[in-house]
């Protein structure tokens, strides 16, 4: 059974520091804005994607306020990382953002829906009550399906 864990960054970093955690058995997708901290770089597992985007639910709001939404390219990058980890037999998938509520929850929700459509069993745990970002959820799910269909 796959495990999907949704954390704020500080909890994700502490979790990934655990000496008994094998780097090749976990995948970490994290959203940092504006930059990846050194503490995160020090605990990178074999499968990771560090993304940079703001918590905006639509493109127009992003443009109006000078914010950066999840791009199609970053969604494809995250999807590729997740699919490579799945193919390698990874069982644990960690998603994190500043609060562990919206951006990471949106990514986790997309991945959970993808696993469900693939008939793969999973459990999902949130440290805080999730409020998944709908733009993130839909864009990542679309990227997962696109890349999955091209894998043959």
N, C-alpha and C. Protein backbone atom coordinates (compact mmCIF):
# COMPACT_ATOMS: atom_id res chain seq x y z
N UNK A 1 0.85 -1.18 0.00
CA UNK A 1 0.00 0.00 0.00
C UNK A 1 0.89 1.24 0.00
N UNK A 2 0.55 2.18 -0.87
CA UNK A 2 1.30 3.44 -0.93
C UNK A 2 0.86 4.34 0.22
N UNK A 3 1.80 5.14 0.70
CA UNK A 3 1.49 6.13 1.74
C UNK A 3 1.73 7.51 1.18
N UNK A 4 0.74 8.38 1.35
CA UNK A 4 0.83 9.78 0.94
C UNK A 4 0.81 10.61 2.21
N UNK A 5 1.87 11.37 2.43
CA UNK A 5 2.00 12.19 3.64
C UNK A 5 2.07 13.66 3.23
N UNK A 6 1.30 14.49 3.90
CA UNK A 6 1.26 15.92 3.58
C UNK A 6 1.69 16.70 4.82
N UNK A 7 2.80 17.43 4.68
CA UNK A 7 3.41 18.13 5.81
C UNK A 7 3.76 19.58 5.48
N UNK A 8 3.88 20.40 6.53
CA UNK A 8 4.62 21.66 6.36
C UNK A 8 6.10 21.29 6.19
N UNK A 9 6.87 22.18 5.59
CA UNK A 9 8.28 21.87 5.32
C UNK A 9 9.05 21.39 6.54
N UNK A 10 8.91 22.08 7.66
CA UNK A 10 9.75 21.72 8.81
C UNK A 10 9.51 20.29 9.26
N UNK A 11 8.26 19.83 9.17
CA UNK A 11 7.95 18.44 9.54
C UNK A 11 8.47 17.47 8.48
N UNK A 12 8.37 17.85 7.23
CA UNK A 12 8.88 16.99 6.15
C UNK A 12 10.38 16.81 6.29
N UNK A 13 11.08 17.90 6.56
CA UNK A 13 12.54 17.83 6.70
C UNK A 13 12.91 16.96 7.89
N UNK A 14 12.23 17.13 9.01
CA UNK A 14 12.50 16.29 10.18
C UNK A 14 12.22 14.82 9.86
N UNK A 15 11.13 14.56 9.19
CA UNK A 15 10.76 13.19 8.83
C UNK A 15 11.83 12.58 7.92
N UNK A 16 12.27 13.33 6.94
CA UNK A 16 13.25 12.82 5.97
C UNK A 16 14.65 12.69 6.57
N UNK A 17 14.90 13.33 7.70
CA UNK A 17 16.19 13.21 8.40
C UNK A 17 16.32 11.88 9.13
N UNK A 18 15.21 11.20 9.33
CA UNK A 18 15.20 9.97 10.11
C UNK A 18 16.24 8.98 9.58
N UNK A 19 17.13 8.49 10.44
CA UNK A 19 18.18 7.58 9.98
C UNK A 19 17.66 6.24 9.45
N UNK A 20 16.50 5.81 9.90
CA UNK A 20 15.97 4.53 9.42
C UNK A 20 15.23 4.65 8.09
N UNK A 21 15.00 5.85 7.62
CA UNK A 21 14.33 6.06 6.34
C UNK A 21 15.32 5.86 5.20
N UNK A 22 15.02 4.97 4.27
CA UNK A 22 15.90 4.70 3.15
C UNK A 22 15.62 5.70 2.03
N UNK A 23 16.65 6.38 1.56
CA UNK A 23 16.52 7.44 0.57
C UNK A 23 15.88 6.96 -0.75
N UNK A 24 16.07 5.70 -1.08
CA UNK A 24 15.51 5.17 -2.32
C UNK A 24 14.08 4.69 -2.20
N UNK A 25 13.51 4.77 -1.00
CA UNK A 25 12.16 4.25 -0.78
C UNK A 25 11.13 5.35 -0.51
N UNK A 26 11.54 6.59 -0.75
CA UNK A 26 10.63 7.71 -0.51
C UNK A 26 10.78 8.70 -1.65
N UNK A 27 9.67 9.37 -1.96
CA UNK A 27 9.66 10.43 -2.96
C UNK A 27 9.13 11.69 -2.28
N UNK A 28 9.80 12.82 -2.52
CA UNK A 28 9.42 14.08 -1.88
C UNK A 28 9.18 15.12 -2.95
N UNK A 29 7.97 15.70 -2.94
CA UNK A 29 7.64 16.80 -3.83
C UNK A 29 7.32 17.99 -2.94
N UNK A 30 8.13 19.04 -3.08
CA UNK A 30 8.01 20.19 -2.19
C UNK A 30 7.91 21.49 -2.99
N UNK A 31 7.13 22.42 -2.45
CA UNK A 31 6.98 23.74 -3.06
C UNK A 31 7.66 24.76 -2.15
N UNK A 32 8.72 25.35 -2.66
CA UNK A 32 9.43 26.40 -1.93
C UNK A 32 9.27 27.70 -2.71
N UNK A 33 9.08 28.78 -1.99
CA UNK A 33 9.02 30.08 -2.62
C UNK A 33 9.55 31.07 -1.62
N UNK A 34 10.61 31.74 -1.81
CA UNK A 34 11.30 31.94 -3.08
C UNK A 34 12.46 30.98 -3.34
N UNK A 35 13.03 30.33 -2.34
CA UNK A 35 14.22 29.51 -2.60
C UNK A 35 14.23 28.26 -1.72
N UNK A 36 14.95 27.25 -2.18
CA UNK A 36 15.08 26.00 -1.43
C UNK A 36 16.09 26.22 -0.31
N UNK A 37 15.70 25.98 0.95
CA UNK A 37 16.64 26.15 2.06
C UNK A 37 17.68 25.03 2.09
N UNK A 38 18.82 25.33 2.67
CA UNK A 38 19.90 24.35 2.77
C UNK A 38 19.45 23.09 3.52
N UNK A 39 18.58 23.26 4.52
CA UNK A 39 18.10 22.09 5.29
C UNK A 39 17.38 21.10 4.39
N UNK A 40 16.67 21.58 3.39
CA UNK A 40 15.97 20.70 2.46
C UNK A 40 16.95 20.01 1.52
N UNK A 41 17.94 20.73 1.07
CA UNK A 41 18.93 20.15 0.17
C UNK A 41 19.69 19.00 0.85
N UNK A 42 19.84 19.10 2.15
CA UNK A 42 20.61 18.10 2.90
C UNK A 42 19.86 16.78 3.08
N UNK A 43 18.54 16.77 2.92
CA UNK A 43 17.77 15.54 3.18
C UNK A 43 17.08 14.99 1.93
N UNK A 44 17.48 15.46 0.77
CA UNK A 44 16.83 15.01 -0.48
C UNK A 44 16.93 13.49 -0.62
N UNK A 45 15.78 12.85 -0.85
CA UNK A 45 15.82 11.41 -1.14
C UNK A 45 16.22 11.20 -2.61
N UNK A 46 16.28 9.96 -3.05
CA UNK A 46 16.64 9.67 -4.44
C UNK A 46 15.64 10.26 -5.43
N UNK A 47 14.38 10.29 -5.05
CA UNK A 47 13.33 10.84 -5.91
C UNK A 47 12.78 12.10 -5.25
N UNK A 48 12.99 13.24 -5.89
CA UNK A 48 12.49 14.50 -5.34
C UNK A 48 12.23 15.48 -6.46
N UNK A 49 11.32 16.40 -6.21
CA UNK A 49 11.06 17.52 -7.11
C UNK A 49 10.84 18.74 -6.23
N UNK A 50 11.67 19.74 -6.42
CA UNK A 50 11.50 21.00 -5.72
C UNK A 50 10.90 21.99 -6.71
N UNK A 51 9.73 22.51 -6.36
CA UNK A 51 8.98 23.39 -7.24
C UNK A 51 8.94 24.80 -6.64
N UNK A 52 8.60 25.78 -7.48
CA UNK A 52 8.50 27.16 -7.01
C UNK A 52 7.27 27.81 -7.61
N UNK A 53 6.23 27.96 -6.79
CA UNK A 53 5.03 28.67 -7.22
C UNK A 53 4.25 29.14 -6.00
N UNK A 54 3.41 30.15 -6.23
CA UNK A 54 2.60 30.72 -5.15
C UNK A 54 1.27 29.98 -5.02
N UNK A 55 0.61 30.21 -3.91
CA UNK A 55 -0.68 29.58 -3.63
C UNK A 55 -1.79 30.43 -4.23
N UNK A 56 -1.99 30.27 -5.54
CA UNK A 56 -3.07 30.98 -6.23
C UNK A 56 -3.94 29.94 -6.93
N UNK A 57 -5.24 30.18 -6.90
CA UNK A 57 -6.18 29.20 -7.43
C UNK A 57 -6.55 29.44 -8.89
N UNK A 58 -6.18 30.59 -9.45
CA UNK A 58 -6.46 30.80 -10.86
C UNK A 58 -5.44 31.74 -11.49
N UNK A 59 -5.31 31.60 -12.80
CA UNK A 59 -4.32 32.36 -13.56
C UNK A 59 -4.56 33.87 -13.49
N UNK A 60 -5.82 34.29 -13.54
CA UNK A 60 -6.13 35.72 -13.53
C UNK A 60 -5.69 36.37 -12.21
N UNK A 61 -5.98 35.71 -11.11
CA UNK A 61 -5.55 36.24 -9.81
C UNK A 61 -4.03 36.34 -9.76
N UNK A 62 -3.37 35.36 -10.29
CA UNK A 62 -1.90 35.37 -10.31
C UNK A 62 -1.40 36.58 -11.08
N UNK A 63 -1.94 36.80 -12.27
CA UNK A 63 -1.52 37.96 -13.08
C UNK A 63 -1.82 39.28 -12.37
N UNK A 64 -3.01 39.39 -11.78
CA UNK A 64 -3.42 40.64 -11.12
C UNK A 64 -2.53 41.00 -9.95
N UNK A 65 -2.00 40.00 -9.27
CA UNK A 65 -1.21 40.27 -8.06
C UNK A 65 0.28 39.98 -8.23
N UNK A 66 0.70 39.68 -9.43
CA UNK A 66 2.11 39.42 -9.68
C UNK A 66 2.61 38.15 -9.04
N UNK A 67 1.73 37.15 -8.96
CA UNK A 67 2.10 35.88 -8.33
C UNK A 67 2.39 34.83 -9.40
N UNK A 68 3.04 33.77 -8.98
CA UNK A 68 3.46 32.71 -9.89
C UNK A 68 2.63 31.45 -9.62
N UNK A 69 1.74 31.07 -10.57
CA UNK A 69 0.97 29.83 -10.39
C UNK A 69 1.82 28.62 -10.77
N UNK A 70 1.34 27.43 -10.46
CA UNK A 70 2.00 26.21 -10.91
C UNK A 70 1.94 26.19 -12.43
N UNK A 71 3.09 26.12 -13.07
CA UNK A 71 3.13 26.10 -14.54
C UNK A 71 2.94 24.69 -15.05
N UNK A 72 2.59 24.59 -16.33
CA UNK A 72 2.45 23.27 -16.97
C UNK A 72 3.79 22.53 -16.91
N UNK A 73 4.88 23.25 -17.11
CA UNK A 73 6.21 22.63 -17.10
C UNK A 73 6.55 22.05 -15.73
N UNK A 74 6.27 22.83 -14.67
CA UNK A 74 6.55 22.32 -13.33
C UNK A 74 5.64 21.14 -12.99
N UNK A 75 4.39 21.19 -13.44
CA UNK A 75 3.47 20.07 -13.21
C UNK A 75 4.00 18.81 -13.89
N UNK A 76 4.52 18.94 -15.10
CA UNK A 76 5.09 17.80 -15.82
C UNK A 76 6.34 17.28 -15.11
N UNK A 77 7.15 18.19 -14.60
CA UNK A 77 8.36 17.80 -13.85
C UNK A 77 7.98 17.00 -12.60
N UNK A 78 6.99 17.50 -11.85
CA UNK A 78 6.54 16.79 -10.65
C UNK A 78 5.93 15.44 -11.02
N UNK A 79 5.12 15.41 -12.07
CA UNK A 79 4.50 14.16 -12.51
C UNK A 79 5.55 13.15 -12.94
N UNK A 80 6.56 13.59 -13.65
CA UNK A 80 7.64 12.70 -14.08
C UNK A 80 8.35 12.10 -12.86
N UNK A 81 8.63 12.92 -11.87
CA UNK A 81 9.29 12.45 -10.65
C UNK A 81 8.42 11.41 -9.95
N UNK A 82 7.14 11.69 -9.82
CA UNK A 82 6.22 10.76 -9.15
C UNK A 82 6.12 9.44 -9.91
N UNK A 83 6.02 9.51 -11.23
CA UNK A 83 5.90 8.29 -12.02
C UNK A 83 7.18 7.46 -12.01
N UNK A 84 8.33 8.12 -12.04
CA UNK A 84 9.60 7.38 -11.93
C UNK A 84 9.70 6.68 -10.58
N UNK A 85 9.27 7.37 -9.52
CA UNK A 85 9.30 6.78 -8.18
C UNK A 85 8.33 5.59 -8.11
N UNK A 86 7.16 5.74 -8.68
CA UNK A 86 6.19 4.63 -8.72
C UNK A 86 6.79 3.42 -9.45
N UNK A 87 7.39 3.68 -10.60
CA UNK A 87 7.99 2.59 -11.39
C UNK A 87 9.12 1.90 -10.63
N UNK A 88 9.80 2.64 -9.75
CA UNK A 88 10.91 2.08 -8.97
C UNK A 88 10.42 1.35 -7.72
N UNK A 89 9.12 1.35 -7.49
CA UNK A 89 8.58 0.64 -6.33
C UNK A 89 8.53 1.44 -5.04
N UNK A 90 8.69 2.75 -5.14
CA UNK A 90 8.60 3.60 -3.95
C UNK A 90 7.20 3.46 -3.34
N UNK A 91 7.17 3.38 -2.01
CA UNK A 91 5.91 3.20 -1.30
C UNK A 91 5.44 4.45 -0.56
N UNK A 92 6.36 5.38 -0.32
CA UNK A 92 6.04 6.55 0.50
C UNK A 92 6.26 7.83 -0.30
N UNK A 93 5.24 8.67 -0.32
CA UNK A 93 5.27 9.92 -1.08
C UNK A 93 4.96 11.07 -0.14
N UNK A 94 5.93 11.97 0.00
CA UNK A 94 5.80 13.11 0.91
C UNK A 94 5.59 14.36 0.06
N UNK A 95 4.57 15.13 0.41
CA UNK A 95 4.29 16.41 -0.24
C UNK A 95 4.38 17.48 0.83
N UNK A 96 5.07 18.59 0.52
CA UNK A 96 5.17 19.66 1.53
C UNK A 96 5.15 21.03 0.88
N UNK A 97 4.69 21.99 1.67
CA UNK A 97 4.74 23.40 1.33
C UNK A 97 4.87 24.15 2.66
N UNK A 98 4.80 25.46 2.63
CA UNK A 98 5.03 26.22 3.87
C UNK A 98 4.13 25.78 5.02
N UNK A 99 2.82 25.73 4.77
CA UNK A 99 1.89 25.38 5.84
C UNK A 99 1.42 23.93 5.78
N UNK A 100 1.60 23.28 4.65
CA UNK A 100 1.13 21.89 4.51
C UNK A 100 -0.37 21.80 4.40
N UNK A 101 -1.00 22.84 3.84
CA UNK A 101 -2.46 22.89 3.79
C UNK A 101 -3.00 22.95 2.36
N UNK A 102 -2.44 23.80 1.52
CA UNK A 102 -3.06 24.09 0.24
C UNK A 102 -2.30 23.56 -0.98
N UNK A 103 -1.09 24.07 -1.21
CA UNK A 103 -0.34 23.64 -2.39
C UNK A 103 0.03 22.16 -2.30
N UNK A 104 0.59 21.76 -1.17
CA UNK A 104 0.97 20.35 -1.01
C UNK A 104 -0.27 19.45 -0.98
N UNK A 105 -1.33 19.93 -0.37
CA UNK A 105 -2.57 19.15 -0.33
C UNK A 105 -3.15 19.00 -1.73
N UNK A 106 -3.03 20.02 -2.57
CA UNK A 106 -3.50 19.93 -3.95
C UNK A 106 -2.73 18.88 -4.73
N UNK A 107 -1.41 18.86 -4.54
CA UNK A 107 -0.58 17.87 -5.22
C UNK A 107 -0.91 16.46 -4.72
N UNK A 108 -1.05 16.32 -3.40
CA UNK A 108 -1.37 15.01 -2.81
C UNK A 108 -2.72 14.51 -3.30
N UNK A 109 -3.68 15.41 -3.41
CA UNK A 109 -5.01 15.04 -3.89
C UNK A 109 -4.96 14.56 -5.33
N UNK A 110 -4.18 15.24 -6.17
CA UNK A 110 -4.03 14.83 -7.57
C UNK A 110 -3.38 13.44 -7.65
N UNK A 111 -2.34 13.24 -6.87
CA UNK A 111 -1.65 11.96 -6.89
C UNK A 111 -2.55 10.84 -6.37
N UNK A 112 -3.31 11.12 -5.32
CA UNK A 112 -4.24 10.12 -4.78
C UNK A 112 -5.30 9.75 -5.82
N UNK A 113 -5.81 10.74 -6.52
CA UNK A 113 -6.82 10.46 -7.55
C UNK A 113 -6.20 9.62 -8.67
N UNK A 114 -4.96 9.94 -9.04
CA UNK A 114 -4.27 9.16 -10.07
C UNK A 114 -4.09 7.71 -9.62
N UNK A 115 -3.63 7.51 -8.39
CA UNK A 115 -3.45 6.14 -7.86
C UNK A 115 -4.78 5.39 -7.86
N UNK A 116 -5.82 6.07 -7.44
CA UNK A 116 -7.16 5.46 -7.41
C UNK A 116 -7.58 5.01 -8.81
N UNK A 117 -7.36 5.86 -9.80
CA UNK A 117 -7.71 5.52 -11.18
C UNK A 117 -6.87 4.36 -11.71
N UNK A 118 -5.67 4.19 -11.15
CA UNK A 118 -4.80 3.08 -11.55
C UNK A 118 -5.12 1.80 -10.79
N UNK A 119 -6.03 1.89 -9.82
CA UNK A 119 -6.39 0.73 -9.01
C UNK A 119 -5.35 0.39 -7.96
N UNK A 120 -4.54 1.38 -7.56
CA UNK A 120 -3.50 1.16 -6.55
C UNK A 120 -3.98 1.60 -5.18
N UNK A 121 -3.77 0.77 -4.19
CA UNK A 121 -4.19 1.07 -2.82
C UNK A 121 -3.25 2.11 -2.20
N UNK A 122 -3.83 3.00 -1.41
CA UNK A 122 -3.03 4.02 -0.74
C UNK A 122 -3.75 4.49 0.51
N UNK A 123 -2.97 5.08 1.39
CA UNK A 123 -3.52 5.80 2.53
C UNK A 123 -2.92 7.19 2.50
N UNK A 124 -3.72 8.16 2.92
CA UNK A 124 -3.27 9.56 2.86
C UNK A 124 -3.41 10.15 4.26
N UNK A 125 -2.33 10.81 4.70
CA UNK A 125 -2.35 11.43 6.02
C UNK A 125 -1.92 12.89 5.91
N UNK A 126 -2.71 13.74 6.54
CA UNK A 126 -2.41 15.17 6.61
C UNK A 126 -2.09 15.54 8.05
N UNK A 127 -1.09 16.36 8.22
CA UNK A 127 -0.77 16.84 9.56
C UNK A 127 -1.79 17.90 9.99
N UNK A 128 -2.25 18.69 9.03
CA UNK A 128 -3.23 19.76 9.28
C UNK A 128 -4.43 19.55 8.36
N UNK A 129 -5.54 20.19 8.70
CA UNK A 129 -6.74 20.08 7.88
C UNK A 129 -6.45 20.63 6.49
N UNK A 130 -6.64 19.81 5.44
CA UNK A 130 -6.28 20.25 4.10
C UNK A 130 -7.32 21.14 3.44
N UNK A 131 -6.83 22.04 2.62
CA UNK A 131 -7.65 22.88 1.75
C UNK A 131 -6.96 22.88 0.39
N UNK A 132 -7.08 21.78 -0.36
CA UNK A 132 -6.32 21.61 -1.60
C UNK A 132 -6.54 22.74 -2.61
N UNK A 133 -5.46 23.25 -3.13
CA UNK A 133 -5.51 24.27 -4.17
C UNK A 133 -6.06 23.60 -5.44
N UNK A 134 -7.19 24.09 -5.98
CA UNK A 134 -7.81 23.42 -7.12
C UNK A 134 -6.98 23.52 -8.41
N UNK A 135 -6.30 24.62 -8.63
CA UNK A 135 -5.47 24.76 -9.83
C UNK A 135 -4.31 23.76 -9.79
N UNK A 136 -3.69 23.63 -8.63
CA UNK A 136 -2.60 22.69 -8.46
C UNK A 136 -3.09 21.26 -8.66
N UNK A 137 -4.21 20.93 -8.04
CA UNK A 137 -4.77 19.58 -8.14
C UNK A 137 -5.05 19.22 -9.60
N UNK A 138 -5.73 20.08 -10.32
CA UNK A 138 -6.11 19.77 -11.70
C UNK A 138 -4.92 19.75 -12.64
N UNK A 139 -3.99 20.68 -12.47
CA UNK A 139 -2.83 20.75 -13.36
C UNK A 139 -1.91 19.54 -13.17
N UNK A 140 -1.69 19.13 -11.92
CA UNK A 140 -0.83 17.97 -11.68
C UNK A 140 -1.52 16.69 -12.14
N UNK A 141 -2.81 16.55 -11.89
CA UNK A 141 -3.52 15.35 -12.34
C UNK A 141 -3.46 15.24 -13.86
N UNK A 142 -3.66 16.34 -14.56
CA UNK A 142 -3.58 16.33 -16.01
C UNK A 142 -2.18 15.92 -16.48
N UNK A 143 -1.15 16.44 -15.81
CA UNK A 143 0.24 16.09 -16.16
C UNK A 143 0.51 14.60 -15.91
N UNK A 144 0.03 14.07 -14.81
CA UNK A 144 0.20 12.64 -14.52
C UNK A 144 -0.44 11.78 -15.60
N UNK A 145 -1.65 12.13 -15.99
CA UNK A 145 -2.35 11.36 -17.00
C UNK A 145 -1.66 11.48 -18.36
N UNK A 146 -1.19 12.66 -18.69
CA UNK A 146 -0.50 12.88 -19.97
C UNK A 146 0.75 12.04 -20.05
N UNK A 147 1.58 12.11 -19.02
CA UNK A 147 2.83 11.34 -19.03
C UNK A 147 2.57 9.85 -18.95
N UNK A 148 1.59 9.45 -18.19
CA UNK A 148 1.26 8.03 -18.06
C UNK A 148 0.82 7.46 -19.41
N UNK A 149 0.02 8.21 -20.14
CA UNK A 149 -0.46 7.71 -21.44
C UNK A 149 0.67 7.63 -22.46
N UNK A 150 1.68 8.45 -22.33
CA UNK A 150 2.81 8.42 -23.27
C UNK A 150 3.83 7.33 -22.91
N UNK A 151 3.70 6.75 -21.72
CA UNK A 151 4.63 5.68 -21.31
C UNK A 151 4.28 4.36 -21.99
N UNK A 152 3.08 4.27 -22.54
CA UNK A 152 2.69 3.05 -23.27
C UNK A 152 2.10 2.10 -22.37
